[in-house]
N, C-alpha and C. Protein backbone atom coordinates (compact mmCIF):
# COMPACT_ATOMS: atom_id res chain seq x y z
N MET A 1 0.65 -1.01 -0.11
CA MET A 1 0.15 -0.02 -0.10
C MET A 1 1.12 0.92 0.27
N LYS A 2 1.80 1.70 0.93
CA LYS A 2 2.74 2.35 0.79
C LYS A 2 3.65 2.91 -0.38
N LYS A 3 3.70 1.57 -1.14
CA LYS A 3 4.56 1.44 -2.78
C LYS A 3 3.51 2.44 -3.66
N ALA A 4 2.09 2.35 -3.37
CA ALA A 4 1.04 2.45 -4.21
C ALA A 4 1.21 4.18 -3.73
N ILE A 5 1.12 4.64 -2.81
CA ILE A 5 0.77 5.92 -2.40
C ILE A 5 1.89 6.99 -2.78
N LEU A 6 3.29 5.98 -2.42
CA LEU A 6 4.58 6.59 -3.15
C LEU A 6 4.42 6.82 -4.52
N ALA A 7 4.01 5.92 -5.51
CA ALA A 7 3.84 5.99 -6.67
C ALA A 7 2.82 7.16 -7.13
N LEU A 8 1.94 7.27 -6.66
CA LEU A 8 0.94 8.22 -6.82
C LEU A 8 1.62 9.86 -6.70
N VAL A 9 2.43 9.82 -5.59
CA VAL A 9 3.09 11.00 -5.40
C VAL A 9 3.82 11.37 -6.26
N ALA A 10 4.62 10.57 -6.26
CA ALA A 10 6.00 10.33 -7.54
C ALA A 10 5.49 10.87 -8.84
N ILE A 11 4.57 10.61 -9.30
CA ILE A 11 4.06 10.87 -10.92
C ILE A 11 3.98 12.11 -11.14
N PRO A 12 3.59 13.12 -10.33
CA PRO A 12 3.48 14.47 -10.77
C PRO A 12 4.87 15.08 -10.70
N ALA A 13 5.66 14.54 -9.80
CA ALA A 13 7.00 14.97 -9.76
C ALA A 13 7.74 14.82 -11.04
N ILE A 14 7.39 13.59 -11.70
CA ILE A 14 8.53 12.72 -12.68
C ILE A 14 7.79 13.35 -14.20
N ALA A 15 6.31 13.67 -14.04
CA ALA A 15 6.05 14.38 -15.13
C ALA A 15 6.24 15.47 -15.38
N GLY A 16 7.02 16.41 -14.70
CA GLY A 16 7.03 17.89 -14.48
C GLY A 16 6.09 18.91 -14.60
N CYS A 17 5.20 18.74 -13.98
CA CYS A 17 4.12 19.55 -13.90
C CYS A 17 4.21 21.13 -13.17
N THR A 18 3.87 22.04 -14.20
CA THR A 18 3.76 23.57 -13.72
C THR A 18 2.74 23.74 -12.93
N ASP A 19 3.18 24.94 -12.03
CA ASP A 19 2.11 25.67 -11.22
C ASP A 19 0.92 25.42 -11.83
N ALA A 20 0.53 26.10 -13.05
CA ALA A 20 -0.28 26.49 -13.38
C ALA A 20 -0.69 25.03 -13.53
N ASP A 21 -0.65 23.54 -14.07
CA ASP A 21 -1.23 22.66 -14.37
C ASP A 21 -1.90 22.08 -12.68
N VAL A 22 -1.09 22.21 -11.99
CA VAL A 22 -1.42 21.84 -10.38
C VAL A 22 -2.63 22.79 -9.63
N ALA A 23 -2.98 24.08 -10.24
CA ALA A 23 -3.70 25.02 -9.85
C ALA A 23 -5.11 25.00 -10.43
N SER A 24 -4.80 24.55 -12.01
CA SER A 24 -5.95 24.15 -12.80
C SER A 24 -6.42 22.69 -12.25
N ARG A 25 -5.81 21.77 -11.75
CA ARG A 25 -6.14 20.28 -11.62
C ARG A 25 -7.17 20.87 -10.17
N ASN A 26 -6.50 21.73 -9.33
CA ASN A 26 -7.30 21.89 -8.01
C ASN A 26 -8.23 22.70 -8.42
N LEU A 27 -8.35 23.60 -9.16
CA LEU A 27 -9.95 24.42 -9.32
C LEU A 27 -10.35 23.63 -10.04
N SER A 28 -10.57 22.51 -10.87
CA SER A 28 -11.28 21.73 -11.07
C SER A 28 -11.80 20.90 -10.09
N LYS A 29 -11.11 20.33 -9.20
CA LYS A 29 -11.60 19.23 -8.12
C LYS A 29 -12.47 20.20 -7.44
N ALA A 30 -12.31 21.58 -7.06
CA ALA A 30 -12.81 22.52 -6.34
C ALA A 30 -14.35 22.43 -6.88
N ALA A 31 -14.07 22.62 -8.32
CA ALA A 31 -15.87 23.09 -9.08
C ALA A 31 -16.41 21.51 -8.82
N ASP A 32 -15.93 20.58 -9.12
CA ASP A 32 -16.73 19.33 -9.02
C ASP A 32 -17.21 18.76 -7.38
N MET A 33 -16.61 19.83 -6.38
CA MET A 33 -17.10 19.87 -5.17
C MET A 33 -18.05 20.61 -4.76
N PHE A 34 -18.59 21.40 -6.03
CA PHE A 34 -19.24 22.79 -5.87
C PHE A 34 -18.80 23.75 -4.55
N GLU A 35 -17.81 23.96 -5.47
CA GLU A 35 -16.99 25.18 -4.64
C GLU A 35 -16.83 26.25 -5.38
N VAL A 36 -17.10 26.42 -6.34
CA VAL A 36 -16.48 27.62 -7.20
C VAL A 36 -17.79 27.94 -8.35
N ASN A 37 -18.20 29.10 -7.91
CA ASN A 37 -19.09 30.05 -8.26
C ASN A 37 -18.47 30.24 -9.87
N ARG A 38 -19.65 29.60 -10.88
CA ARG A 38 -19.40 30.12 -12.35
C ARG A 38 -20.54 30.43 -13.18
N ARG A 39 -20.53 31.10 -14.32
CA ARG A 39 -21.49 31.11 -15.18
C ARG A 39 -21.10 30.33 -16.22
N VAL A 40 -21.93 29.72 -17.04
CA VAL A 40 -21.95 28.87 -18.17
C VAL A 40 -23.23 29.38 -19.08
N VAL A 41 -22.34 30.01 -20.30
CA VAL A 41 -23.29 30.81 -21.54
C VAL A 41 -23.15 29.73 -22.83
N PHE A 42 -24.60 29.30 -23.33
CA PHE A 42 -24.35 28.47 -24.45
C PHE A 42 -24.73 29.53 -25.53
N TYR A 43 -24.05 29.58 -26.73
CA TYR A 43 -24.12 30.42 -27.50
C TYR A 43 -24.53 30.14 -28.94
N ASN A 44 -25.43 30.80 -29.56
CA ASN A 44 -25.65 30.21 -31.08
C ASN A 44 -24.75 31.17 -32.22
N GLY A 45 -24.04 30.41 -32.72
CA GLY A 45 -23.40 31.14 -33.60
C GLY A 45 -23.82 31.58 -35.08
N ILE A 46 -25.01 31.18 -35.26
CA ILE A 46 -25.89 31.67 -36.41
C ILE A 46 -26.53 32.86 -36.17
N THR A 47 -27.25 32.83 -34.90
CA THR A 47 -28.18 33.97 -34.29
C THR A 47 -27.50 34.98 -33.89
N GLY A 48 -26.23 34.53 -32.91
CA GLY A 48 -25.35 35.46 -32.21
C GLY A 48 -26.08 35.71 -30.83
N GLY A 49 -27.16 34.76 -30.44
CA GLY A 49 -27.41 35.34 -29.15
C GLY A 49 -27.29 33.98 -27.96
N TYR A 50 -27.38 34.43 -26.74
CA TYR A 50 -27.24 33.49 -25.84
C TYR A 50 -28.75 32.44 -26.22
N MET A 51 -28.47 31.15 -26.09
CA MET A 51 -29.27 30.10 -25.73
C MET A 51 -30.01 29.77 -24.22
N LEU A 52 -29.02 29.88 -23.62
CA LEU A 52 -29.39 29.54 -22.02
C LEU A 52 -27.98 30.15 -21.19
N THR A 53 -28.09 30.68 -19.99
CA THR A 53 -27.16 30.87 -18.83
C THR A 53 -27.23 30.17 -17.62
N VAL A 54 -26.49 29.48 -17.25
CA VAL A 54 -26.58 29.07 -15.99
C VAL A 54 -25.52 29.38 -14.82
N GLU A 55 -25.80 29.94 -13.51
CA GLU A 55 -25.01 30.48 -12.54
C GLU A 55 -25.14 29.88 -11.46
N GLY A 56 -24.15 29.76 -10.81
CA GLY A 56 -23.87 29.20 -9.65
C GLY A 56 -22.78 28.43 -8.91
N LEU A 57 -23.06 27.42 -8.35
CA LEU A 57 -21.94 26.59 -7.79
C LEU A 57 -22.30 25.40 -8.75
N CYS A 58 -21.39 25.20 -9.67
CA CYS A 58 -21.64 24.33 -11.13
C CYS A 58 -20.37 23.45 -11.36
N SER A 59 -20.63 22.19 -11.38
CA SER A 59 -19.62 21.66 -12.06
C SER A 59 -20.42 20.63 -13.69
N LEU A 60 -19.12 20.78 -14.46
CA LEU A 60 -19.53 20.39 -15.87
C LEU A 60 -19.23 18.94 -15.93
N GLY A 61 -20.15 18.43 -16.86
CA GLY A 61 -20.50 17.09 -16.72
C GLY A 61 -18.67 16.55 -17.27
N ASN A 62 -18.33 15.46 -16.77
CA ASN A 62 -17.04 15.03 -16.86
C ASN A 62 -17.10 13.55 -17.90
N ARG A 63 -18.28 13.16 -18.06
CA ARG A 63 -18.14 11.77 -18.71
C ARG A 63 -19.18 11.92 -19.93
N ASP A 64 -20.01 12.85 -20.45
CA ASP A 64 -20.79 13.17 -21.33
C ASP A 64 -20.15 12.90 -22.75
N SER A 65 -21.36 12.22 -23.53
CA SER A 65 -21.01 11.70 -24.73
C SER A 65 -20.64 13.15 -25.67
N ALA A 66 -20.27 12.34 -27.08
CA ALA A 66 -19.79 13.82 -27.90
C ALA A 66 -21.04 14.29 -28.19
N GLY A 67 -21.31 15.47 -28.47
CA GLY A 67 -22.45 16.72 -28.73
C GLY A 67 -23.31 16.93 -27.77
N GLN A 68 -22.72 16.35 -26.46
CA GLN A 68 -23.71 16.77 -25.10
C GLN A 68 -23.21 17.27 -24.15
N LEU A 69 -23.80 18.03 -23.01
CA LEU A 69 -23.11 18.57 -21.98
C LEU A 69 -23.66 18.60 -20.86
N SER A 70 -23.63 18.30 -20.06
CA SER A 70 -24.68 18.32 -18.76
C SER A 70 -23.69 19.25 -17.67
N ILE A 71 -25.29 20.13 -16.62
CA ILE A 71 -24.40 20.68 -15.82
C ILE A 71 -25.10 20.75 -14.46
N THR A 72 -24.26 20.09 -13.45
CA THR A 72 -24.92 19.84 -12.31
C THR A 72 -24.74 20.84 -11.43
N CYS A 73 -25.72 21.75 -10.81
CA CYS A 73 -25.34 22.76 -9.83
C CYS A 73 -26.06 22.28 -8.58
N LYS A 74 -25.34 22.68 -7.33
CA LYS A 74 -25.87 23.12 -6.10
C LYS A 74 -26.89 24.10 -5.56
N THR A 75 -27.82 23.71 -5.38
CA THR A 75 -28.81 25.04 -5.33
C THR A 75 -28.97 25.26 -3.76
N GLY A 76 -28.54 24.46 -2.87
CA GLY A 76 -29.24 24.22 -1.55
C GLY A 76 -28.60 23.03 -0.66
N PRO A 77 -28.49 23.14 0.78
CA PRO A 77 -27.73 22.01 1.41
C PRO A 77 -27.43 20.40 0.85
N ASP A 78 -28.82 20.15 -0.01
CA ASP A 78 -28.98 18.76 -0.03
C ASP A 78 -29.68 18.93 -1.37
N ALA A 79 -29.59 19.84 -2.23
CA ALA A 79 -30.37 20.23 -3.25
C ALA A 79 -29.38 20.68 -4.69
N PHE A 80 -29.70 19.94 -5.77
CA PHE A 80 -28.92 19.90 -7.05
C PHE A 80 -30.20 20.23 -8.26
N LYS A 81 -29.78 20.59 -9.09
CA LYS A 81 -30.57 20.46 -10.53
C LYS A 81 -29.51 20.47 -11.44
N LYS A 82 -29.56 19.53 -12.76
CA LYS A 82 -28.98 19.03 -13.88
C LYS A 82 -29.43 19.80 -15.21
N HIS A 83 -28.65 20.38 -15.92
CA HIS A 83 -28.96 20.87 -17.03
C HIS A 83 -28.31 20.11 -18.30
N PHE A 84 -29.17 19.91 -19.28
CA PHE A 84 -28.28 18.97 -20.40
C PHE A 84 -28.37 19.99 -21.83
N LEU A 85 -27.60 20.24 -22.50
CA LEU A 85 -27.99 20.90 -23.86
C LEU A 85 -27.03 20.19 -24.98
N GLY A 86 -27.65 19.82 -26.14
CA GLY A 86 -26.93 19.19 -26.99
C GLY A 86 -26.27 20.26 -27.84
N LEU A 87 -24.65 19.87 -27.98
CA LEU A 87 -23.76 20.87 -28.63
C LEU A 87 -23.95 20.65 -30.39
N SER A 88 -23.61 21.72 -31.21
CA SER A 88 -23.76 21.08 -32.69
C SER A 88 -22.50 22.29 -33.18
N ASP A 89 -22.54 22.29 -34.40
CA ASP A 89 -21.40 22.79 -35.01
C ASP A 89 -21.90 24.46 -35.01
N ASN A 90 -23.38 24.64 -34.36
CA ASN A 90 -23.37 26.43 -34.54
C ASN A 90 -23.85 26.63 -32.83
N VAL A 91 -23.67 25.69 -32.21
CA VAL A 91 -23.92 25.85 -30.78
C VAL A 91 -22.36 25.73 -29.76
N THR A 92 -22.01 26.71 -29.36
CA THR A 92 -21.10 26.14 -28.51
C THR A 92 -21.27 26.85 -27.19
N TYR A 93 -20.36 26.72 -26.16
CA TYR A 93 -20.42 27.45 -24.71
C TYR A 93 -19.29 27.86 -23.96
N PHE A 94 -19.08 28.67 -23.11
CA PHE A 94 -18.08 29.16 -22.88
C PHE A 94 -18.45 29.01 -20.96
N VAL A 95 -17.38 28.98 -20.00
CA VAL A 95 -17.62 28.79 -18.92
C VAL A 95 -16.53 30.10 -17.86
N GLU A 96 -17.38 30.74 -17.13
CA GLU A 96 -16.67 31.98 -16.44
C GLU A 96 -16.44 32.08 -15.13
N GLN A 97 -15.10 31.59 -14.47
CA GLN A 97 -15.36 31.62 -13.13
C GLN A 97 -15.27 32.94 -12.72
N LEU A 98 -16.63 33.00 -11.54
CA LEU A 98 -17.05 34.64 -11.13
C LEU A 98 -16.11 35.16 -9.89
N GLU A 99 -15.74 34.25 -9.36
CA GLU A 99 -14.73 34.79 -8.17
C GLU A 99 -13.49 33.88 -8.18
N PRO A 100 -12.18 34.67 -7.78
CA PRO A 100 -11.27 34.02 -7.35
C PRO A 100 -11.29 32.68 -6.26
N ASN A 101 -10.85 31.75 -6.37
CA ASN A 101 -10.57 30.71 -5.50
C ASN A 101 -9.24 30.31 -5.02
N LYS A 102 -8.77 30.06 -3.56
CA LYS A 102 -7.51 29.76 -3.19
C LYS A 102 -7.17 28.42 -3.29
N VAL A 103 -6.24 27.88 -4.45
CA VAL A 103 -5.60 26.84 -4.28
C VAL A 103 -4.08 26.45 -4.23
N SER A 104 -3.78 25.59 -3.89
CA SER A 104 -2.22 25.21 -3.64
C SER A 104 -1.44 24.86 -5.26
N THR A 105 -0.75 25.56 -5.30
CA THR A 105 0.45 25.35 -6.65
C THR A 105 1.55 24.13 -6.29
N TYR A 106 0.90 23.64 -5.41
CA TYR A 106 2.58 22.93 -4.64
C TYR A 106 1.86 21.40 -4.36
N HIS A 107 0.42 21.34 -3.99
CA HIS A 107 0.11 19.74 -3.22
C HIS A 107 -1.40 19.55 -4.41
N TYR A 108 -1.49 18.53 -4.76
CA TYR A 108 -2.83 17.98 -5.66
C TYR A 108 -3.48 17.79 -4.57
N ARG A 109 -5.00 18.21 -4.62
CA ARG A 109 -6.11 17.96 -3.71
C ARG A 109 -6.68 16.88 -4.15
N VAL A 110 -6.87 16.11 -3.08
CA VAL A 110 -7.27 14.64 -3.30
C VAL A 110 -8.68 14.17 -2.02
N VAL A 111 -9.45 13.94 -2.75
CA VAL A 111 -10.79 14.00 -1.89
C VAL A 111 -11.25 12.51 -1.73
N PHE A 112 -11.42 12.14 -0.84
CA PHE A 112 -11.76 10.74 -0.25
C PHE A 112 -13.29 10.88 0.74
N LYS A 113 -14.16 10.10 -0.02
CA LYS A 113 -15.54 10.30 0.75
C LYS A 113 -15.79 8.65 1.13
N PRO A 114 -15.56 8.25 2.28
CA PRO A 114 -15.94 6.90 2.80
C PRO A 114 -17.55 6.49 2.51
N GLN A 115 -18.34 7.48 2.57
CA GLN A 115 -19.39 7.30 2.76
C GLN A 115 -20.41 6.95 1.49
N THR A 116 -19.33 7.12 0.27
CA THR A 116 -20.28 6.85 -0.66
C THR A 116 -19.40 5.51 -1.01
N ILE A 117 -18.89 4.85 -0.60
CA ILE A 117 -18.56 3.42 -0.53
C ILE A 117 -19.83 2.29 -0.09
N ILE A 118 -20.45 2.99 0.57
CA ILE A 118 -21.89 1.85 0.85
C ILE A 118 -23.20 2.76 0.24
N PRO A 119 -23.64 2.25 -0.85
CA PRO A 119 -24.44 3.03 -1.64
C PRO A 119 -26.01 2.79 -0.72
N ASP A 120 -27.11 3.61 -1.41
CA ASP A 120 -28.05 3.85 -0.97
C ASP A 120 -29.03 2.82 -1.80
N ILE A 121 -29.90 2.12 -1.37
CA ILE A 121 -30.60 0.90 -2.32
C ILE A 121 -31.96 1.50 -1.77
N ASP A 122 -32.97 1.61 -3.13
CA ASP A 122 -34.15 1.84 -2.92
C ASP A 122 -34.49 0.56 -3.57
N PHE A 123 -35.67 -0.17 -3.15
CA PHE A 123 -36.26 -1.27 -3.26
C PHE A 123 -37.98 -0.45 -3.85
N ARG A 124 -38.31 -1.02 -5.25
CA ARG A 124 -39.44 -0.71 -6.03
C ARG A 124 -40.37 -1.92 -5.90
N GLY A 125 -41.53 -1.74 -5.80
CA GLY A 125 -42.63 -2.87 -6.00
C GLY A 125 -42.77 -3.56 -4.61
N ASP A 126 -43.64 -4.43 -4.44
CA ASP A 126 -44.22 -5.11 -3.66
C ASP A 126 -42.81 -6.45 -3.03
N LEU A 127 -42.84 -5.93 -1.55
CA LEU A 127 -41.68 -7.20 -1.26
C LEU A 127 -42.28 -8.93 -1.37
N GLN A 128 -43.40 -8.84 -1.33
CA GLN A 128 -44.27 -10.05 -1.11
C GLN A 128 -44.03 -10.61 -2.55
N GLU A 129 -44.28 -9.76 -3.74
CA GLU A 129 -44.09 -9.97 -4.92
C GLU A 129 -42.55 -10.88 -5.36
N LEU A 130 -41.67 -10.07 -4.66
CA LEU A 130 -40.38 -10.11 -4.97
C LEU A 130 -40.15 -11.76 -4.58
N ALA A 131 -40.89 -11.95 -3.25
CA ALA A 131 -40.41 -13.50 -2.36
C ALA A 131 -41.28 -14.53 -3.32
N GLN A 132 -42.26 -14.31 -3.98
CA GLN A 132 -42.95 -15.45 -4.87
C GLN A 132 -41.76 -16.09 -6.03
């Protein structure tokens, strides 16, 4: 286990990461933890107009399929909204960080959430039907 941790720590040093690389990665991590206030604007290149503007503590979809973008925003302590937009050759978007965030340029931020190991399980339907 110690070797694995040492390898993870050594990789950035070997890769020659710049301060900007470390700060960028840490800002992205902060945004994914809903700590960065952003404005996301979708723009129609043909009409020249904004199609949608989303503001708040928002994280961009990290695993979206090609031509699609999802945005998840935290709207309260346990409240979230998710937006989807299809991208095309005439629809694009830009993301603006509205406020500066303090991040390290020396250390990568690692977030470990042990509570995510045990999932919430929802049962649907009648349990008696399942038993038969």
